[in-house]
Amino acid sequence: MYGDTKIKVTAFLARHGELKNAFSYRVDTPHRTIVISGDTAPTDAIVEHGSGCDILIHEAYSEATYRMVTRKWQGYRRAYHTSSRELAELANRAKPKLLVLYHRANPGAFGGPNSEHVLLKEIRQLYKGEVVTGHDLDVF
Protein backbone atom coordinates (compact mmCIF):
# COMPACT_ATOMS: atom_id res chain seq x y z
CA MET A 1 0.00 0.00 0.00
CA TYR A 2 1.08 3.54 -0.70
CA GLY A 3 -0.58 6.61 0.70
CA ASP A 4 -0.20 10.32 1.25
CA THR A 5 -2.64 13.19 1.78
CA LYS A 6 -3.90 13.07 -1.82
CA ILE A 7 -3.94 9.41 -2.80
CA LYS A 8 -3.98 5.89 -1.45
CA VAL A 9 -3.00 2.97 -3.70
CA THR A 10 -3.71 -0.57 -2.57
CA ALA A 11 -2.34 -3.56 -4.47
CA PHE A 12 -4.16 -6.88 -4.18
CA LEU A 13 -3.58 -10.25 -5.79
CA ALA A 14 -4.90 -10.94 -9.26
CA ARG A 15 -5.34 -14.44 -10.70
CA HIS A 16 -2.98 -14.70 -13.65
CA GLY A 17 -2.41 -18.38 -14.25
CA GLU A 18 0.68 -19.73 -12.53
CA LEU A 19 2.13 -16.30 -11.77
CA LYS A 20 2.20 -15.70 -8.03
CA ASN A 21 2.89 -11.96 -8.12
CA ALA A 22 0.22 -10.55 -10.43
CA PHE A 23 -1.63 -7.58 -9.01
CA SER A 24 -4.75 -5.48 -9.33
CA TYR A 25 -4.93 -1.99 -7.85
CA ARG A 26 -7.40 0.20 -6.02
CA VAL A 27 -6.72 3.93 -6.19
CA ASP A 28 -8.54 6.16 -3.71
CA THR A 29 -8.49 9.94 -4.03
CA PRO A 30 -10.64 12.49 -2.22
CA HIS A 31 -12.95 12.54 -5.25
CA ARG A 32 -12.89 9.07 -6.82
CA THR A 33 -12.16 5.41 -6.38
CA ILE A 34 -10.68 3.59 -9.37
CA VAL A 35 -9.95 -0.13 -9.57
CA ILE A 36 -7.61 -1.54 -12.23
CA SER A 37 -7.75 -5.28 -12.80
CA GLY A 38 -4.37 -5.87 -14.41
CA ASP A 39 -4.16 -9.20 -16.23
CA THR A 40 -6.46 -11.52 -14.32
CA ALA A 41 -8.81 -14.42 -14.56
CA PRO A 42 -12.07 -13.80 -12.69
CA THR A 43 -11.54 -13.25 -8.98
CA ASP A 44 -13.77 -12.23 -6.10
CA ALA A 45 -11.01 -9.83 -5.06
CA ILE A 46 -12.25 -7.45 -7.77
CA VAL A 47 -15.68 -7.38 -6.13
CA GLU A 48 -14.20 -7.07 -2.63
CA HIS A 49 -11.96 -4.13 -3.54
CA GLY A 50 -14.14 -2.60 -6.25
CA SER A 51 -17.62 -2.69 -4.78
CA GLY A 52 -19.33 0.59 -5.62
CA CYS A 53 -16.18 2.14 -7.12
CA ASP A 54 -16.46 5.06 -9.50
CA ILE A 55 -14.49 3.38 -12.29
CA LEU A 56 -13.58 -0.27 -12.78
CA ILE A 57 -10.97 -0.69 -15.52
CA HIS A 58 -10.95 -4.37 -16.41
CA GLU A 59 -9.43 -6.55 -19.11
CA ALA A 60 -11.70 -8.85 -21.12
CA TYR A 61 -11.83 -11.12 -24.12
CA SER A 62 -14.76 -11.80 -26.40
CA GLU A 63 -16.42 -15.21 -26.22
CA ALA A 64 -16.89 -15.00 -29.99
CA THR A 65 -13.13 -14.86 -30.52
CA TYR A 66 -12.56 -17.51 -27.84
CA ARG A 67 -14.22 -20.03 -30.12
CA MET A 68 -11.83 -19.03 -32.93
CA VAL A 69 -8.59 -19.96 -31.17
CA THR A 70 -7.05 -23.40 -30.59
CA ARG A 71 -7.79 -25.43 -27.45
CA LYS A 72 -4.33 -24.52 -26.16
CA TRP A 73 -5.13 -20.81 -26.38
CA GLN A 74 -8.61 -21.35 -24.99
CA GLY A 75 -6.99 -22.92 -21.91
CA TYR A 76 -4.57 -20.02 -21.69
CA ARG A 77 -7.38 -17.48 -21.82
CA ARG A 78 -9.35 -19.27 -19.10
CA ALA A 79 -6.29 -19.39 -16.80
CA TYR A 80 -4.96 -15.88 -17.40
CA HIS A 81 -7.84 -13.65 -18.52
CA THR A 82 -11.55 -12.83 -18.07
CA SER A 83 -14.30 -13.53 -20.61
CA SER A 84 -17.03 -11.06 -21.42
CA ARG A 85 -19.55 -13.23 -19.54
CA GLU A 86 -17.32 -13.53 -16.48
CA LEU A 87 -16.68 -9.78 -16.44
CA ALA A 88 -20.39 -9.00 -16.75
CA GLU A 89 -21.03 -11.24 -13.74
CA LEU A 90 -18.27 -9.51 -11.71
CA ALA A 91 -19.53 -6.06 -12.70
CA ASN A 92 -23.09 -6.99 -11.70
CA ARG A 93 -21.76 -7.80 -8.25
CA ALA A 94 -19.30 -4.89 -7.89
CA LYS A 95 -21.68 -2.30 -9.38
CA PRO A 96 -19.11 0.27 -10.58
CA LYS A 97 -20.46 3.59 -11.79
CA LEU A 98 -18.46 3.07 -15.01
CA LEU A 99 -16.91 -0.11 -16.42
CA VAL A 100 -14.00 0.51 -18.81
CA LEU A 101 -12.76 -2.38 -20.94
CA TYR A 102 -9.10 -2.58 -21.81
CA HIS A 103 -6.47 -5.16 -22.80
CA ARG A 104 -8.93 -6.70 -25.21
CA ALA A 105 -7.41 -9.88 -26.66
CA ASN A 106 -9.58 -10.64 -29.66
CA PRO A 107 -7.65 -12.13 -32.59
CA GLY A 108 -9.15 -13.46 -35.79
CA ALA A 109 -12.06 -12.09 -37.76
CA PHE A 110 -13.24 -10.01 -34.80
CA GLY A 111 -9.75 -8.61 -34.17
CA GLY A 112 -10.34 -5.68 -36.51
CA PRO A 113 -12.15 -2.42 -35.92
CA ASN A 114 -15.41 -4.16 -35.01
CA SER A 115 -13.91 -6.32 -32.25
CA GLU A 116 -14.71 -3.86 -29.49
CA HIS A 117 -18.32 -3.64 -30.68
CA VAL A 118 -18.64 -7.43 -30.41
CA LEU A 119 -17.14 -7.39 -26.92
CA LEU A 120 -19.40 -4.54 -25.79
CA LYS A 121 -22.46 -6.32 -27.17
CA GLU A 122 -21.59 -9.51 -25.28
CA ILE A 123 -21.13 -7.66 -21.99
CA ARG A 124 -24.24 -5.49 -22.41
CA GLN A 125 -26.36 -8.63 -22.84
CA LEU A 126 -25.67 -9.45 -19.18
CA TYR A 127 -24.61 -6.15 -17.61
CA LYS A 128 -26.90 -3.12 -17.71
CA GLY A 129 -24.55 -0.58 -16.13
CA GLU A 130 -22.53 1.97 -18.08
CA VAL A 131 -19.70 0.32 -20.02
CA VAL A 132 -17.21 1.67 -22.57
CA THR A 133 -14.02 0.53 -24.23
CA GLY A 134 -10.92 2.41 -23.19
CA HIS A 135 -8.40 3.86 -25.63
CA ASP A 136 -5.09 5.62 -25.14
CA LEU A 137 -5.53 9.19 -23.85
CA ASP A 138 -9.22 8.72 -22.90
CA VAL A 139 -10.38 10.80 -19.92
CA PHE A 140 -13.22 9.63 -17.67
C-alpha atoms as a PDB file:
ATOM      1  CA  MET A   1       0.000   0.000   0.000  1.00  0.00           C
ATOM      2  CA  TYR A   2       1.076   3.544  -0.703  1.00  0.00           C
ATOM      3  CA  GLY A   3      -0.582   6.611   0.704  1.00  0.00           C
ATOM      4  CA  ASP A   4      -0.199  10.324   1.248  1.00  0.00           C
ATOM      5  CA  THR A   5      -2.636  13.189   1.784  1.00  0.00           C
ATOM      6  CA  LYS A   6      -3.895  13.070  -1.822  1.00  0.00           C
ATOM      7  CA  ILE A   7      -3.938   9.412  -2.800  1.00  0.00           C
ATOM      8  CA  LYS A   8      -3.979   5.886  -1.450  1.00  0.00           C
ATOM      9  CA  VAL A   9      -2.997   2.970  -3.698  1.00  0.00           C
ATOM     10  CA  THR A  10      -3.713  -0.570  -2.571  1.00  0.00           C
ATOM     11  CA  ALA A  11      -2.344  -3.564  -4.465  1.00  0.00           C
ATOM     12  CA  PHE A  12      -4.163  -6.883  -4.183  1.00  0.00           C
ATOM     13  CA  LEU A  13      -3.577 -10.249  -5.789  1.00  0.00           C
ATOM     14  CA  ALA A  14      -4.898 -10.937  -9.260  1.00  0.00           C
ATOM     15  CA  ARG A  15      -5.340 -14.443 -10.699  1.00  0.00           C
ATOM     16  CA  HIS A  16      -2.984 -14.704 -13.645  1.00  0.00           C
ATOM     17  CA  GLY A  17      -2.408 -18.379 -14.245  1.00  0.00           C
ATOM     18  CA  GLU A  18       0.682 -19.731 -12.532  1.00  0.00           C
ATOM     19  CA  LEU A  19       2.128 -16.296 -11.766  1.00  0.00           C
ATOM     20  CA  LYS A  20       2.201 -15.703  -8.031  1.00  0.00           C
ATOM     21  CA  ASN A  21       2.892 -11.963  -8.121  1.00  0.00           C
ATOM     22  CA  ALA A  22       0.220 -10.554 -10.425  1.00  0.00           C
ATOM     23  CA  PHE A  23      -1.630  -7.581  -9.007  1.00  0.00           C
ATOM     24  CA  SER A  24      -4.751  -5.484  -9.331  1.00  0.00           C
ATOM     25  CA  TYR A  25      -4.933  -1.988  -7.854  1.00  0.00           C
ATOM     26  CA  ARG A  26      -7.402   0.196  -6.017  1.00  0.00           C
ATOM     27  CA  VAL A  27      -6.719   3.926  -6.188  1.00  0.00           C
ATOM     28  CA  ASP A  28      -8.542   6.159  -3.707  1.00  0.00           C
ATOM     29  CA  THR A  29      -8.491   9.943  -4.025  1.00  0.00           C
ATOM     30  CA  PRO A  30     -10.640  12.485  -2.224  1.00  0.00           C
ATOM     31  CA  HIS A  31     -12.955  12.538  -5.248  1.00  0.00           C
ATOM     32  CA  ARG A  32     -12.889   9.070  -6.824  1.00  0.00           C
ATOM     33  CA  THR A  33     -12.159   5.411  -6.382  1.00  0.00           C
ATOM     34  CA  ILE A  34     -10.679   3.594  -9.368  1.00  0.00           C
ATOM     35  CA  VAL A  35      -9.951  -0.128  -9.567  1.00  0.00           C
ATOM     36  CA  ILE A  36      -7.613  -1.536 -12.229  1.00  0.00           C
ATOM     37  CA  SER A  37      -7.747  -5.275 -12.804  1.00  0.00           C
ATOM     38  CA  GLY A  38      -4.369  -5.874 -14.410  1.00  0.00           C
ATOM     39  CA  ASP A  39      -4.160  -9.205 -16.233  1.00  0.00           C
ATOM     40  CA  THR A  40      -6.458 -11.517 -14.321  1.00  0.00           C
ATOM     41  CA  ALA A  41      -8.810 -14.419 -14.564  1.00  0.00           C
ATOM     42  CA  PRO A  42     -12.072 -13.798 -12.689  1.00  0.00           C
ATOM     43  CA  THR A  43     -11.544 -13.253  -8.981  1.00  0.00           C
ATOM     44  CA  ASP A  44     -13.773 -12.230  -6.102  1.00  0.00           C
ATOM     45  CA  ALA A  45     -11.008  -9.830  -5.061  1.00  0.00           C
ATOM     46  CA  ILE A  46     -12.245  -7.447  -7.774  1.00  0.00           C
ATOM     47  CA  VAL A  47     -15.679  -7.380  -6.126  1.00  0.00           C
ATOM     48  CA  GLU A  48     -14.201  -7.071  -2.626  1.00  0.00           C
ATOM     49  CA  HIS A  49     -11.960  -4.129  -3.539  1.00  0.00           C
ATOM     50  CA  GLY A  50     -14.142  -2.597  -6.245  1.00  0.00           C
ATOM     51  CA  SER A  51     -17.619  -2.694  -4.776  1.00  0.00           C
ATOM     52  CA  GLY A  52     -19.328   0.589  -5.619  1.00  0.00           C
ATOM     53  CA  CYS A  53     -16.185   2.138  -7.124  1.00  0.00           C
ATOM     54  CA  ASP A  54     -16.464   5.056  -9.499  1.00  0.00           C
ATOM     55  CA  ILE A  55     -14.494   3.377 -12.287  1.00  0.00           C
ATOM     56  CA  LEU A  56     -13.577  -0.267 -12.783  1.00  0.00           C
ATOM     57  CA  ILE A  57     -10.975  -0.692 -15.517  1.00  0.00           C
ATOM     58  CA  HIS A  58     -10.950  -4.372 -16.413  1.00  0.00           C
ATOM     59  CA  GLU A  59      -9.435  -6.550 -19.110  1.00  0.00           C
ATOM     60  CA  ALA A  60     -11.696  -8.849 -21.120  1.00  0.00           C
ATOM     61  CA  TYR A  61     -11.833 -11.115 -24.120  1.00  0.00           C
ATOM     62  CA  SER A  62     -14.762 -11.797 -26.399  1.00  0.00           C
ATOM     63  CA  GLU A  63     -16.415 -15.207 -26.217  1.00  0.00           C
ATOM     64  CA  ALA A  64     -16.892 -15.001 -29.990  1.00  0.00           C
ATOM     65  CA  THR A  65     -13.135 -14.864 -30.524  1.00  0.00           C
ATOM     66  CA  TYR A  66     -12.560 -17.506 -27.843  1.00  0.00           C
ATOM     67  CA  ARG A  67     -14.219 -20.029 -30.123  1.00  0.00           C
ATOM     68  CA  MET A  68     -11.834 -19.031 -32.930  1.00  0.00           C
ATOM     69  CA  VAL A  69      -8.593 -19.964 -31.169  1.00  0.00           C
ATOM     70  CA  THR A  70      -7.051 -23.399 -30.591  1.00  0.00           C
ATOM     71  CA  ARG A  71      -7.789 -25.431 -27.447  1.00  0.00           C
ATOM     72  CA  LYS A  72      -4.329 -24.523 -26.160  1.00  0.00           C
ATOM     73  CA  TRP A  73      -5.127 -20.808 -26.383  1.00  0.00           C
ATOM     74  CA  GLN A  74      -8.608 -21.346 -24.987  1.00  0.00           C
ATOM     75  CA  GLY A  75      -6.993 -22.916 -21.915  1.00  0.00           C
ATOM     76  CA  TYR A  76      -4.569 -20.017 -21.690  1.00  0.00           C
ATOM     77  CA  ARG A  77      -7.381 -17.481 -21.822  1.00  0.00           C
ATOM     78  CA  ARG A  78      -9.345 -19.270 -19.098  1.00  0.00           C
ATOM     79  CA  ALA A  79      -6.292 -19.392 -16.799  1.00  0.00           C
ATOM     80  CA  TYR A  80      -4.963 -15.879 -17.405  1.00  0.00           C
ATOM     81  CA  HIS A  81      -7.842 -13.655 -18.520  1.00  0.00           C
ATOM     82  CA  THR A  82     -11.546 -12.832 -18.067  1.00  0.00           C
ATOM     83  CA  SER A  83     -14.296 -13.529 -20.607  1.00  0.00           C
ATOM     84  CA  SER A  84     -17.034 -11.061 -21.422  1.00  0.00           C
ATOM     85  CA  ARG A  85     -19.553 -13.232 -19.545  1.00  0.00           C
ATOM     86  CA  GLU A  86     -17.319 -13.525 -16.484  1.00  0.00           C
ATOM     87  CA  LEU A  87     -16.680  -9.783 -16.436  1.00  0.00           C
ATOM     88  CA  ALA A  88     -20.393  -9.004 -16.747  1.00  0.00           C
ATOM     89  CA  GLU A  89     -21.032 -11.237 -13.736  1.00  0.00           C
ATOM     90  CA  LEU A  90     -18.274  -9.511 -11.713  1.00  0.00           C
ATOM     91  CA  ALA A  91     -19.534  -6.059 -12.701  1.00  0.00           C
ATOM     92  CA  ASN A  92     -23.094  -6.987 -11.699  1.00  0.00           C
ATOM     93  CA  ARG A  93     -21.759  -7.797  -8.245  1.00  0.00           C
ATOM     94  CA  ALA A  94     -19.301  -4.890  -7.889  1.00  0.00           C
ATOM     95  CA  LYS A  95     -21.681  -2.299  -9.380  1.00  0.00           C
ATOM     96  CA  PRO A  96     -19.110   0.265 -10.578  1.00  0.00           C
ATOM     97  CA  LYS A  97     -20.457   3.588 -11.785  1.00  0.00           C
ATOM     98  CA  LEU A  98     -18.463   3.067 -15.006  1.00  0.00           C
ATOM     99  CA  LEU A  99     -16.915  -0.112 -16.416  1.00  0.00           C
ATOM    100  CA  VAL A 100     -14.004   0.507 -18.808  1.00  0.00           C
ATOM    101  CA  LEU A 101     -12.762  -2.380 -20.943  1.00  0.00           C
ATOM    102  CA  TYR A 102      -9.097  -2.579 -21.808  1.00  0.00           C
ATOM    103  CA  HIS A 103      -6.468  -5.161 -22.800  1.00  0.00           C
ATOM    104  CA  ARG A 104      -8.934  -6.704 -25.212  1.00  0.00           C
ATOM    105  CA  ALA A 105      -7.412  -9.879 -26.659  1.00  0.00           C
ATOM    106  CA  ASN A 106      -9.583 -10.639 -29.662  1.00  0.00           C
ATOM    107  CA  PRO A 107      -7.653 -12.131 -32.587  1.00  0.00           C
ATOM    108  CA  GLY A 108      -9.148 -13.460 -35.788  1.00  0.00           C
ATOM    109  CA  ALA A 109     -12.065 -12.093 -37.756  1.00  0.00           C
ATOM    110  CA  PHE A 110     -13.242 -10.009 -34.800  1.00  0.00           C
ATOM    111  CA  GLY A 111      -9.747  -8.611 -34.173  1.00  0.00           C
ATOM    112  CA  GLY A 112     -10.336  -5.682 -36.508  1.00  0.00           C
ATOM    113  CA  PRO A 113     -12.148  -2.419 -35.923  1.00  0.00           C
ATOM    114  CA  ASN A 114     -15.410  -4.163 -35.006  1.00  0.00           C
ATOM    115  CA  SER A 115     -13.912  -6.320 -32.251  1.00  0.00           C
ATOM    116  CA  GLU A 116     -14.707  -3.865 -29.492  1.00  0.00           C
ATOM    117  CA  HIS A 117     -18.315  -3.645 -30.675  1.00  0.00           C
ATOM    118  CA  VAL A 118     -18.639  -7.432 -30.413  1.00  0.00           C
ATOM    119  CA  LEU A 119     -17.145  -7.392 -26.915  1.00  0.00           C
ATOM    120  CA  LEU A 120     -19.403  -4.535 -25.794  1.00  0.00           C
ATOM    121  CA  LYS A 121     -22.463  -6.315 -27.166  1.00  0.00           C
ATOM    122  CA  GLU A 122     -21.586  -9.506 -25.284  1.00  0.00           C
ATOM    123  CA  ILE A 123     -21.133  -7.655 -21.988  1.00  0.00           C
ATOM    124  CA  ARG A 124     -24.236  -5.494 -22.415  1.00  0.00           C
ATOM    125  CA  GLN A 125     -26.365  -8.627 -22.838  1.00  0.00           C
ATOM    126  CA  LEU A 126     -25.671  -9.445 -19.182  1.00  0.00           C
ATOM    127  CA  TYR A 127     -24.606  -6.147 -17.608  1.00  0.00           C
ATOM    128  CA  LYS A 128     -26.902  -3.123 -17.711  1.00  0.00           C
ATOM    129  CA  GLY A 129     -24.552  -0.584 -16.132  1.00  0.00           C
ATOM    130  CA  GLU A 130     -22.528   1.972 -18.076  1.00  0.00           C
ATOM    131  CA  VAL A 131     -19.696   0.315 -20.017  1.00  0.00           C
ATOM    132  CA  VAL A 132     -17.214   1.671 -22.567  1.00  0.00           C
ATOM    133  CA  THR A 133     -14.017   0.528 -24.230  1.00  0.00           C
ATOM    134  CA  GLY A 134     -10.918   2.412 -23.194  1.00  0.00           C
ATOM    135  CA  HIS A 135      -8.400   3.860 -25.629  1.00  0.00           C
ATOM    136  CA  ASP A 136      -5.088   5.625 -25.142  1.00  0.00           C
ATOM    137  CA  LEU A 137      -5.533   9.186 -23.852  1.00  0.00           C
ATOM    138  CA  ASP A 138      -9.221   8.720 -22.896  1.00  0.00           C
ATOM    139  CA  VAL A 139     -10.384  10.795 -19.916  1.00  0.00           C
ATOM    140  CA  PHE A 140     -13.219   9.630 -17.667  1.00  0.00           C
END
